[in-house]
Protein backbone atom coordinates (compact mmCIF):
# COMPACT_ATOMS: atom_id res chain seq x y z
CA MET A 1 104.27 -83.16 143.64
CA ARG A 2 100.89 -83.93 142.11
CA PHE A 3 99.72 -82.04 139.00
CA PHE A 4 97.66 -82.20 135.80
CA ASP A 5 98.91 -80.83 132.51
CA THR A 6 98.83 -81.54 128.79
CA ILE A 7 102.22 -83.13 128.35
CA GLU A 8 102.24 -86.61 126.84
CA LEU A 9 103.60 -89.68 128.53
CA GLY A 10 106.37 -90.30 126.05
CA GLN A 11 107.27 -91.06 122.53
CA ALA A 12 104.56 -92.97 120.72
CA ALA A 13 104.94 -94.77 117.44
CA GLU A 14 103.37 -95.29 114.06
CA VAL A 15 99.86 -96.60 113.60
CA SER A 16 99.77 -100.19 112.43
CA SER A 17 96.45 -99.73 110.67
CA MET A 18 93.87 -97.11 109.90
CA ARG A 19 90.53 -97.88 108.28
CA GLU A 20 87.35 -96.03 107.62
CA THR A 21 84.03 -97.53 108.67
CA ARG A 22 80.81 -97.40 106.66
CA ASN A 23 79.56 -94.43 108.69
CA GLY A 24 82.74 -92.47 107.95
CA SER A 25 84.50 -92.92 111.32
CA LEU A 26 88.19 -93.82 111.50
CA VAL A 27 89.38 -96.87 113.43
CA VAL A 28 93.09 -96.96 114.15
CA HIS A 29 95.59 -98.78 116.34
CA ALA A 30 98.37 -96.42 117.41
CA ARG A 31 101.38 -96.36 119.65
CA ALA A 32 100.47 -93.71 122.18
CA ALA A 33 103.24 -93.66 124.78
CA ARG A 34 106.75 -94.82 125.48
CA GLY A 35 108.38 -95.92 128.72
CA GLY A 36 111.95 -96.02 129.97
CA ASN A 37 113.15 -92.68 128.58
CA VAL A 38 114.25 -89.35 130.05
CA GLN A 39 112.87 -86.03 128.76
CA ASP A 40 113.70 -82.45 129.64
CA TYR A 41 111.13 -79.97 130.94
CA LEU A 42 111.30 -76.36 131.97
CA GLY A 43 111.26 -76.09 135.73
CA ALA A 44 108.11 -73.96 135.58
CA GLU A 45 106.27 -76.78 133.76
CA VAL A 46 106.62 -79.15 136.68
CA GLY A 47 106.29 -76.72 139.58
CA ARG A 48 110.01 -76.07 140.09
CA PRO A 49 110.69 -72.50 138.88
CA ASP A 50 113.91 -72.59 140.90
CA MET A 51 115.31 -75.08 138.35
CA ALA A 52 115.99 -74.05 134.76
CA VAL A 53 115.74 -77.60 133.42
CA VAL A 54 114.20 -80.69 135.00
CA ARG A 55 115.07 -84.13 133.62
CA VAL A 56 112.07 -86.41 134.11
CA TYR A 57 112.42 -90.18 133.88
CA ARG A 58 109.42 -92.14 132.60
CA ASP A 59 109.99 -95.36 134.44
CA ALA A 60 108.90 -98.31 132.28
CA ASP A 61 107.69 -100.10 135.42
CA GLU A 62 105.32 -97.21 136.03
CA ILE A 63 104.22 -96.74 132.39
CA PHE A 64 103.44 -100.42 131.93
CA HIS A 65 102.03 -100.99 135.38
CA LYS A 66 98.59 -102.59 135.14
CA ASP A 67 96.99 -99.73 137.08
CA SER A 68 98.46 -97.25 134.61
CA LEU A 69 97.72 -99.23 131.44
CA LYS A 70 94.06 -99.68 132.26
CA THR A 71 93.59 -95.90 132.44
CA PHE A 72 94.30 -95.69 128.65
CA GLY A 73 91.02 -97.46 127.90
CA HIS A 74 87.73 -95.64 127.23
CA LYS A 75 89.29 -92.19 127.29
CA ALA A 76 88.27 -89.25 125.14
CA VAL A 77 90.11 -88.60 121.87
CA THR A 78 90.37 -84.82 121.46
CA LEU A 79 91.45 -82.48 118.70
CA ASP A 80 94.34 -80.66 120.40
CA HIS A 81 94.48 -80.54 124.19
CA PRO A 82 91.44 -79.20 126.07
CA SER A 83 91.99 -76.38 128.56
CA GLU A 84 90.84 -78.54 131.48
CA PRO A 85 90.52 -82.24 132.37
CA VAL A 86 87.88 -84.19 130.49
CA THR A 87 84.85 -84.93 132.67
CA SER A 88 81.22 -85.85 132.10
CA ARG A 89 80.52 -82.13 132.10
CA THR A 90 83.03 -81.33 129.35
CA TRP A 91 82.94 -84.58 127.33
CA LYS A 92 80.41 -83.48 124.69
CA ASP A 93 82.36 -80.27 124.04
CA VAL A 94 85.82 -81.77 123.59
CA ALA A 95 85.50 -85.47 122.72
CA ARG A 96 86.02 -86.33 119.02
CA GLY A 97 86.10 -90.07 119.65
CA HIS A 98 87.37 -92.50 122.25
CA THR A 99 89.96 -95.17 122.94
CA GLY A 100 89.17 -98.86 123.25
CA ASP A 101 89.99 -101.18 126.12
CA GLU A 102 92.44 -103.47 124.29
CA VAL A 103 95.50 -101.67 125.58
CA LEU A 104 98.72 -103.58 124.92
CA ARG A 105 102.42 -103.27 125.46
CA ASP A 106 104.32 -103.19 122.17
CA GLY A 107 108.01 -103.32 123.11
CA GLU A 108 108.81 -100.00 124.73
CA PHE A 109 105.48 -98.51 123.58
CA VAL A 110 101.85 -98.56 124.72
CA LYS A 111 99.53 -99.51 121.87
CA ILE A 112 95.87 -98.50 121.97
CA PRO A 113 92.82 -98.76 119.64
CA MET A 114 91.10 -95.48 118.80
CA LEU A 115 87.83 -94.45 117.17
CA VAL A 116 87.70 -90.97 115.63
CA ALA A 117 84.02 -90.17 115.01
CA ASP A 118 83.92 -86.38 114.59
CA GLN A 119 84.10 -85.11 111.01
CA ALA A 120 86.33 -82.15 111.82
CA ALA A 121 88.82 -84.45 113.53
CA ILE A 122 88.59 -86.96 110.66
CA ASP A 123 89.29 -84.19 108.14
CA ALA A 124 92.22 -82.97 110.26
CA VAL A 125 93.72 -86.46 110.34
CA LYS A 126 93.26 -86.93 106.62
CA GLY A 127 94.80 -83.52 106.13
CA GLY A 128 98.02 -84.59 107.92
CA LYS A 129 97.38 -83.73 111.57
CA ARG A 130 98.40 -87.10 112.94
CA GLU A 131 100.70 -86.79 115.95
CA LEU A 132 99.41 -87.90 119.34
CA SER A 133 99.86 -86.33 122.77
CA VAL A 134 98.48 -87.89 125.95
CA GLY A 135 97.16 -85.68 128.71
CA TYR A 136 97.69 -87.25 132.12
CA GLN A 137 97.99 -86.84 135.81
CA CYS A 138 100.89 -88.19 137.87
CA ASP A 139 103.09 -87.71 140.89
CA LEU A 140 106.75 -86.77 140.67
CA ASP A 141 109.25 -88.53 142.91
CA TRP A 142 112.03 -85.96 143.33
CA THR A 143 114.69 -88.52 144.14
CA PRO A 144 117.44 -88.08 141.53
CA GLY A 145 119.03 -91.07 139.88
CA THR A 146 120.21 -92.69 136.65
CA SER A 147 118.04 -94.69 134.25
CA PRO A 148 119.01 -98.21 133.08
CA ASN A 149 120.21 -96.56 129.86
CA GLY A 150 122.67 -94.40 131.82
CA GLU A 151 120.65 -91.15 131.59
CA ALA A 152 120.72 -88.98 134.70
CA TYR A 153 117.39 -87.60 135.90
CA ASP A 154 116.06 -85.22 138.56
CA ALA A 155 112.61 -86.72 139.09
CA ARG A 156 110.67 -89.86 138.27
CA GLN A 157 107.01 -90.14 137.21
CA ILE A 158 104.84 -92.42 139.36
CA LYS A 159 101.10 -93.16 139.72
CA ILE A 160 100.29 -92.25 136.12
CA THR A 161 96.62 -91.77 135.20
CA VAL A 162 95.56 -90.96 131.62
CA ASP A 163 92.97 -88.23 131.09
CA HIS A 164 92.71 -88.05 127.28
CA VAL A 165 94.58 -88.64 124.01
CA ALA A 166 94.92 -85.56 121.82
CA ILE A 167 95.47 -85.36 118.02
CA VAL A 168 97.97 -82.52 117.54
CA ASP A 169 100.10 -80.95 114.83
CA ARG A 170 103.32 -81.44 116.78
CA GLY A 171 103.49 -83.38 120.01
CA ARG A 172 106.33 -83.47 122.48
CA ALA A 173 106.63 -87.16 121.72
CA GLY A 174 107.60 -86.37 118.18
CA PRO A 175 106.93 -88.21 114.88
CA ASP A 176 106.93 -91.64 116.48
CA CYS A 177 103.58 -90.72 118.05
CA ARG A 178 101.39 -90.29 115.00
CA ILE A 179 98.41 -91.66 113.17
CA GLY A 180 99.37 -93.20 109.84
CA ASP A 181 102.16 -95.27 108.46
CA GLN A 182 104.33 -92.59 106.97
CA ARG A 183 106.93 -90.71 108.97
CA PRO A 184 107.40 -87.00 108.27
CA SER A 185 110.58 -85.75 106.68
CA ASP A 186 113.63 -85.36 108.87
CA ASP A 187 113.44 -81.57 108.75
CA ALA A 188 109.92 -81.51 110.21
CA LYS A 189 110.06 -79.93 113.65
CA THR A 190 108.14 -81.29 116.63
CA MET A 191 106.96 -79.44 119.70
CA ARG A 192 109.28 -79.93 122.68
CA ALA A 193 109.35 -78.61 126.21
CA LEU A 194 112.54 -76.76 125.36
CA THR A 195 114.11 -75.23 122.30
CA PRO A 196 116.81 -77.24 120.47
CA ILE A 197 119.89 -78.23 122.43
CA ALA A 198 122.04 -75.46 120.94
CA ASP A 199 119.55 -72.84 122.10
CA ARG A 200 118.82 -74.21 125.55
CA THR A 201 122.37 -74.47 126.85
CA VAL A 202 122.28 -73.18 130.40
CA ARG A 203 125.04 -70.70 131.08
CA MET A 204 126.77 -71.40 134.33
CA LYS A 205 128.22 -68.88 136.74
CA THR A 206 130.41 -69.21 139.80
CA HIS A 207 128.70 -68.65 143.12
CA LEU A 208 130.20 -68.98 146.59
CA VAL A 209 128.46 -71.49 148.83
CA ASP A 210 129.89 -71.73 152.33
CA GLY A 211 133.11 -70.22 151.04
CA HIS A 212 133.44 -72.68 148.16
CA PRO A 213 132.99 -71.68 144.48
CA VAL A 214 130.18 -73.65 142.79
CA GLU A 215 129.12 -73.55 139.15
CA MET A 216 125.36 -73.00 138.81
CA SER A 217 122.73 -71.34 136.64
CA ASP A 218 121.21 -67.89 137.22
CA ALA A 219 118.01 -69.48 138.51
CA ALA A 220 119.96 -71.65 140.93
CA ILE A 221 121.99 -68.65 142.10
CA ILE A 222 118.77 -66.75 142.85
CA ALA A 223 117.38 -69.69 144.79
CA VAL A 224 120.62 -70.34 146.69
CA SER A 225 121.10 -66.63 147.45
CA GLY A 226 117.63 -66.52 148.97
CA LEU A 227 118.42 -69.53 151.12
CA GLN A 228 121.76 -68.02 152.14
CA LYS A 229 120.03 -64.81 153.21
CA THR A 230 117.47 -66.76 155.19
CA LEU A 231 120.26 -68.79 156.80
CA ALA A 232 122.23 -65.65 157.69
CA THR A 233 119.15 -64.13 159.31
CA ALA A 234 118.54 -67.33 161.25
CA VAL A 235 122.16 -67.42 162.43
CA ALA A 236 122.00 -63.76 163.55
CA ASP A 237 118.71 -64.35 165.38
CA ASN A 238 120.17 -67.42 167.05
CA LEU A 239 123.25 -65.45 168.16
CA THR A 240 121.05 -62.71 169.62
CA LEU A 241 118.92 -65.28 171.39
CA SER A 242 122.01 -67.05 172.73
CA THR A 243 123.38 -63.72 174.06
CA THR A 244 120.07 -62.92 175.72
CA VAL A 245 119.81 -66.36 177.29
CA LYS A 246 123.41 -66.13 178.54
CA ALA A 247 122.74 -62.72 180.12
CA LYS A 248 119.61 -64.06 181.81
CA ASP A 249 121.52 -67.11 183.04
CA THR A 250 124.18 -64.81 184.51
CA ALA A 251 121.56 -62.65 186.24
CA LEU A 252 119.81 -65.76 187.56
CA ALA A 253 123.10 -67.11 188.91
CA ALA A 254 123.74 -63.77 190.68
CA LYS A 255 120.27 -63.89 192.26
CA ASP A 256 120.84 -67.47 193.38
CA GLU A 257 124.15 -66.37 194.95
CA GLU A 258 122.40 -63.52 196.79
CA ILE A 259 119.68 -65.87 198.02
CA GLY A 260 122.33 -68.25 199.30
CA ARG A 261 124.08 -65.44 201.17
CA LEU A 262 120.86 -64.21 202.75
CA LYS A 263 119.88 -67.73 203.79
CA THR A 264 123.26 -68.17 205.49
CA GLU A 265 123.02 -64.81 207.27
CA LEU A 266 119.50 -65.60 208.45
CA GLN A 267 120.58 -68.95 209.81
CA THR A 268 123.55 -67.31 211.53
CA ALA A 269 121.22 -64.77 213.10
CA LYS A 270 118.90 -67.55 214.27
CA ASP A 271 121.82 -69.49 215.73
CA SER A 272 123.19 -66.43 217.57
CA ALA A 273 119.82 -65.20 218.87
CA PRO A 274 119.57 -65.46 222.69
CA LYS A 275 117.63 -68.34 224.15
CA PRO A 276 114.62 -67.71 226.42
CA GLU A 277 116.67 -68.32 229.55
CA GLN A 278 119.31 -65.93 228.24
CA LEU A 279 116.65 -63.28 227.61
CA ASP A 280 115.41 -63.70 231.16
CA ARG A 281 118.94 -63.18 232.44
CA LEU A 282 119.41 -60.09 230.29
CA VAL A 283 116.16 -58.61 231.58
CA ALA A 284 117.14 -59.30 235.18
CA ASP A 285 120.60 -57.79 234.67
CA ARG A 286 119.08 -54.72 233.04
CA ALA A 287 116.62 -54.26 235.89
CA ALA A 288 119.39 -54.56 238.45
CA LEU A 289 121.54 -52.03 236.55
CA VAL A 290 118.66 -49.54 236.33
CA THR A 291 117.98 -49.96 240.06
CA VAL A 292 121.61 -49.22 240.97
CA VAL A 293 121.80 -46.23 238.61
CA LYS A 294 118.59 -44.76 240.03
CA THR A 295 119.97 -45.34 243.55
CA LEU A 296 123.08 -43.34 242.66
CA ASP A 297 121.06 -40.56 240.99
CA SER A 298 117.31 -40.75 240.50
CA ARG A 299 117.48 -37.97 237.91
CA ILE A 300 119.27 -40.14 235.36
CA VAL A 301 116.98 -40.98 232.42
CA THR A 302 117.27 -44.70 231.71
CA ASP A 303 114.83 -45.10 228.82
CA GLY A 304 116.52 -45.60 225.46
CA LYS A 305 120.00 -45.79 226.96
CA THR A 306 122.46 -48.66 226.56
CA ASP A 307 124.06 -50.32 229.56
CA ALA A 308 127.36 -48.57 228.77
CA GLN A 309 125.62 -45.17 228.60
CA LEU A 310 123.87 -45.79 231.92
CA ARG A 311 127.13 -46.71 233.68
CA ARG A 312 128.89 -43.63 232.22
CA ALA A 313 126.01 -41.39 233.33
CA ALA A 314 126.09 -42.86 236.85
CA VAL A 315 129.87 -42.29 237.23
CA ALA A 316 129.54 -38.75 235.80
CA ALA A 317 126.77 -38.00 238.31
CA LYS A 318 129.14 -39.02 241.10
CA HIS A 319 132.43 -37.43 239.92
CA GLY A 320 131.54 -35.04 237.10
CA ASP A 321 131.61 -35.13 233.29
CA ASP A 322 135.33 -34.34 233.00
CA PHE A 323 136.10 -37.46 235.01
CA VAL A 324 134.62 -39.76 232.38
CA LYS A 325 135.38 -37.64 229.31
CA ASP A 326 138.25 -39.68 227.90
CA ALA A 327 137.59 -42.96 229.71
CA SER A 328 137.00 -46.12 227.67
CA ASP A 329 134.02 -48.36 228.22
CA ALA A 330 136.25 -50.83 230.04
CA GLU A 331 137.44 -48.10 232.42
CA ILE A 332 133.85 -46.98 232.97
CA ILE A 333 132.90 -50.53 234.00
CA GLY A 334 135.61 -50.45 236.69
CA MET A 335 134.58 -46.95 237.84
CA PHE A 336 130.91 -47.99 238.00
CA LYS A 337 131.71 -51.01 240.15
CA ALA A 338 133.59 -48.73 242.52
CA VAL A 339 130.79 -46.19 242.93
CA ALA A 340 128.03 -48.83 243.01
CA LYS A 341 129.51 -51.19 245.62
CA ASP A 342 128.14 -49.14 248.55
CA ALA A 343 124.84 -48.19 246.85
CA LYS A 344 121.88 -49.35 248.96
CA PRO A 345 118.67 -49.52 246.93
CA ASP A 346 115.82 -47.61 248.71
CA PRO A 347 112.44 -49.33 248.04
CA LEU A 348 110.55 -46.08 248.47
CA ALA A 349 112.93 -44.24 246.21
CA ALA A 350 112.64 -46.99 243.66
CA THR A 351 108.87 -46.82 243.86
CA LEU A 352 108.87 -43.05 243.53
CA ALA A 353 111.39 -43.25 240.75
CA GLY A 354 109.03 -45.61 238.98
CA GLY A 355 106.14 -43.22 239.55
CA ILE A 356 102.92 -43.72 241.53
CA GLN A 357 100.89 -46.51 239.97
CA HIS A 358 97.15 -45.92 239.92
CA ASN A 359 94.87 -48.91 240.21
CA ASP A 360 91.67 -48.08 238.40
CA SER A 361 90.13 -51.52 238.78
CA ALA A 362 86.35 -51.14 238.97
CA THR A 363 86.12 -53.96 241.51
CA THR A 364 88.60 -52.34 243.94
CA VAL A 365 86.85 -48.97 243.81
CA GLY A 366 83.47 -50.61 244.30
CA ASP A 367 84.60 -52.60 247.32
CA ALA A 368 86.10 -49.50 248.96
CA TYR A 369 82.91 -47.54 248.40
CA ALA A 370 80.75 -50.30 249.89
CA SER A 371 82.98 -50.50 252.97
CA MET A 372 82.77 -46.74 253.50
CA CYS A 373 78.98 -46.79 253.28
CA SER A 374 78.79 -49.63 255.82
CA ASN A 375 80.98 -47.75 258.30
CA LEU A 376 78.86 -44.61 258.01
CA THR A 377 75.63 -46.52 258.44
CA ASP A 378 76.53 -48.92 261.24
CA GLY A 379 79.47 -47.26 262.96
CA TRP A 380 77.31 -45.67 265.73
CA LYS A 381 75.86 -49.01 266.82
CA ALA A 382 77.19 -50.80 269.85
CA ALA A 383 79.44 -53.69 269.26
CA SER A 384 76.86 -56.06 270.77
CA SER A 385 74.12 -54.82 268.49
CA GLN A 386 76.35 -55.22 265.47
CA LYS A 387 77.24 -58.68 266.62
CA ALA A 388 73.57 -59.62 267.07
CA ALA A 389 72.77 -58.32 263.70
């Protein structure tokens, strides 16, 4: 998380010297920040409203890193914290002086030179407003751990960049961050992120997480409850989706089974279909059967009748309907053979049974007409004359 706020980098310490220049400005060298400590913040202060308290570790390696230390130099000294970062646009409105570039490490503290040149700020300092608070920008590494001093923390400050140094009545850093060489009395209160320890004790409650009781704060319960609700919804949606997918898989399997059955039946039909030579034989046998039936009785209608129906009709025409009434198809075959063995197909009858076929070919009609005209024109001539012609 990257943010800008007005919290100071850590406990600062007493000023080693403070002198007034001829033009009335104050020149001081002050401890402005401390590294290697853990401080508590409200979760809302550091972008984690889901946490009641966030323990932030100010890693000494980060505080005293050369890239961090050099950002203390040539920064604006303000009277209280400005409402926004100090830029060239806001400098003249908020700057009451500036820091120097001789930034040093003094044990666990950062020591900086400062020039306070604004009369109101000078009067405030002389009047006792001497604590310092550094406004900065940094990233928070949310990997929890334990400091070298054995203090547990939730996040660690990294990539620290100073924006300004503010003169305040009470800074979070406390009385060790002040201008002057006199510490305030022990009962003087300093501004902290939280109220005193006795007042900021977080009351814990029992909350079930995955069936197990866990002690947590109200804020944590709210956050975890929200996550549990989201998880329950996701589980329900996943179950519904799984059911739907399973149903579709079942339907797809049934369709595949039906396709397999139809493919098999089609192949069976193809395999059992008569071959061309078999079709020719069937046609010939059918023609022969029709010829015999028509020979026995030309009145029998053969169109649309099966072979068995034709044989039954032929036997009935010979011996009557009662004769074939209860006979099976096998019996009818024997009866038909008996009545058909002496049947002699009559070509004329077959032709008549088939109906007179008209030939309407234009060529045939034309040739016949031409022959008729020739006979009418030349028929009276003698054979010799026709031959000469």
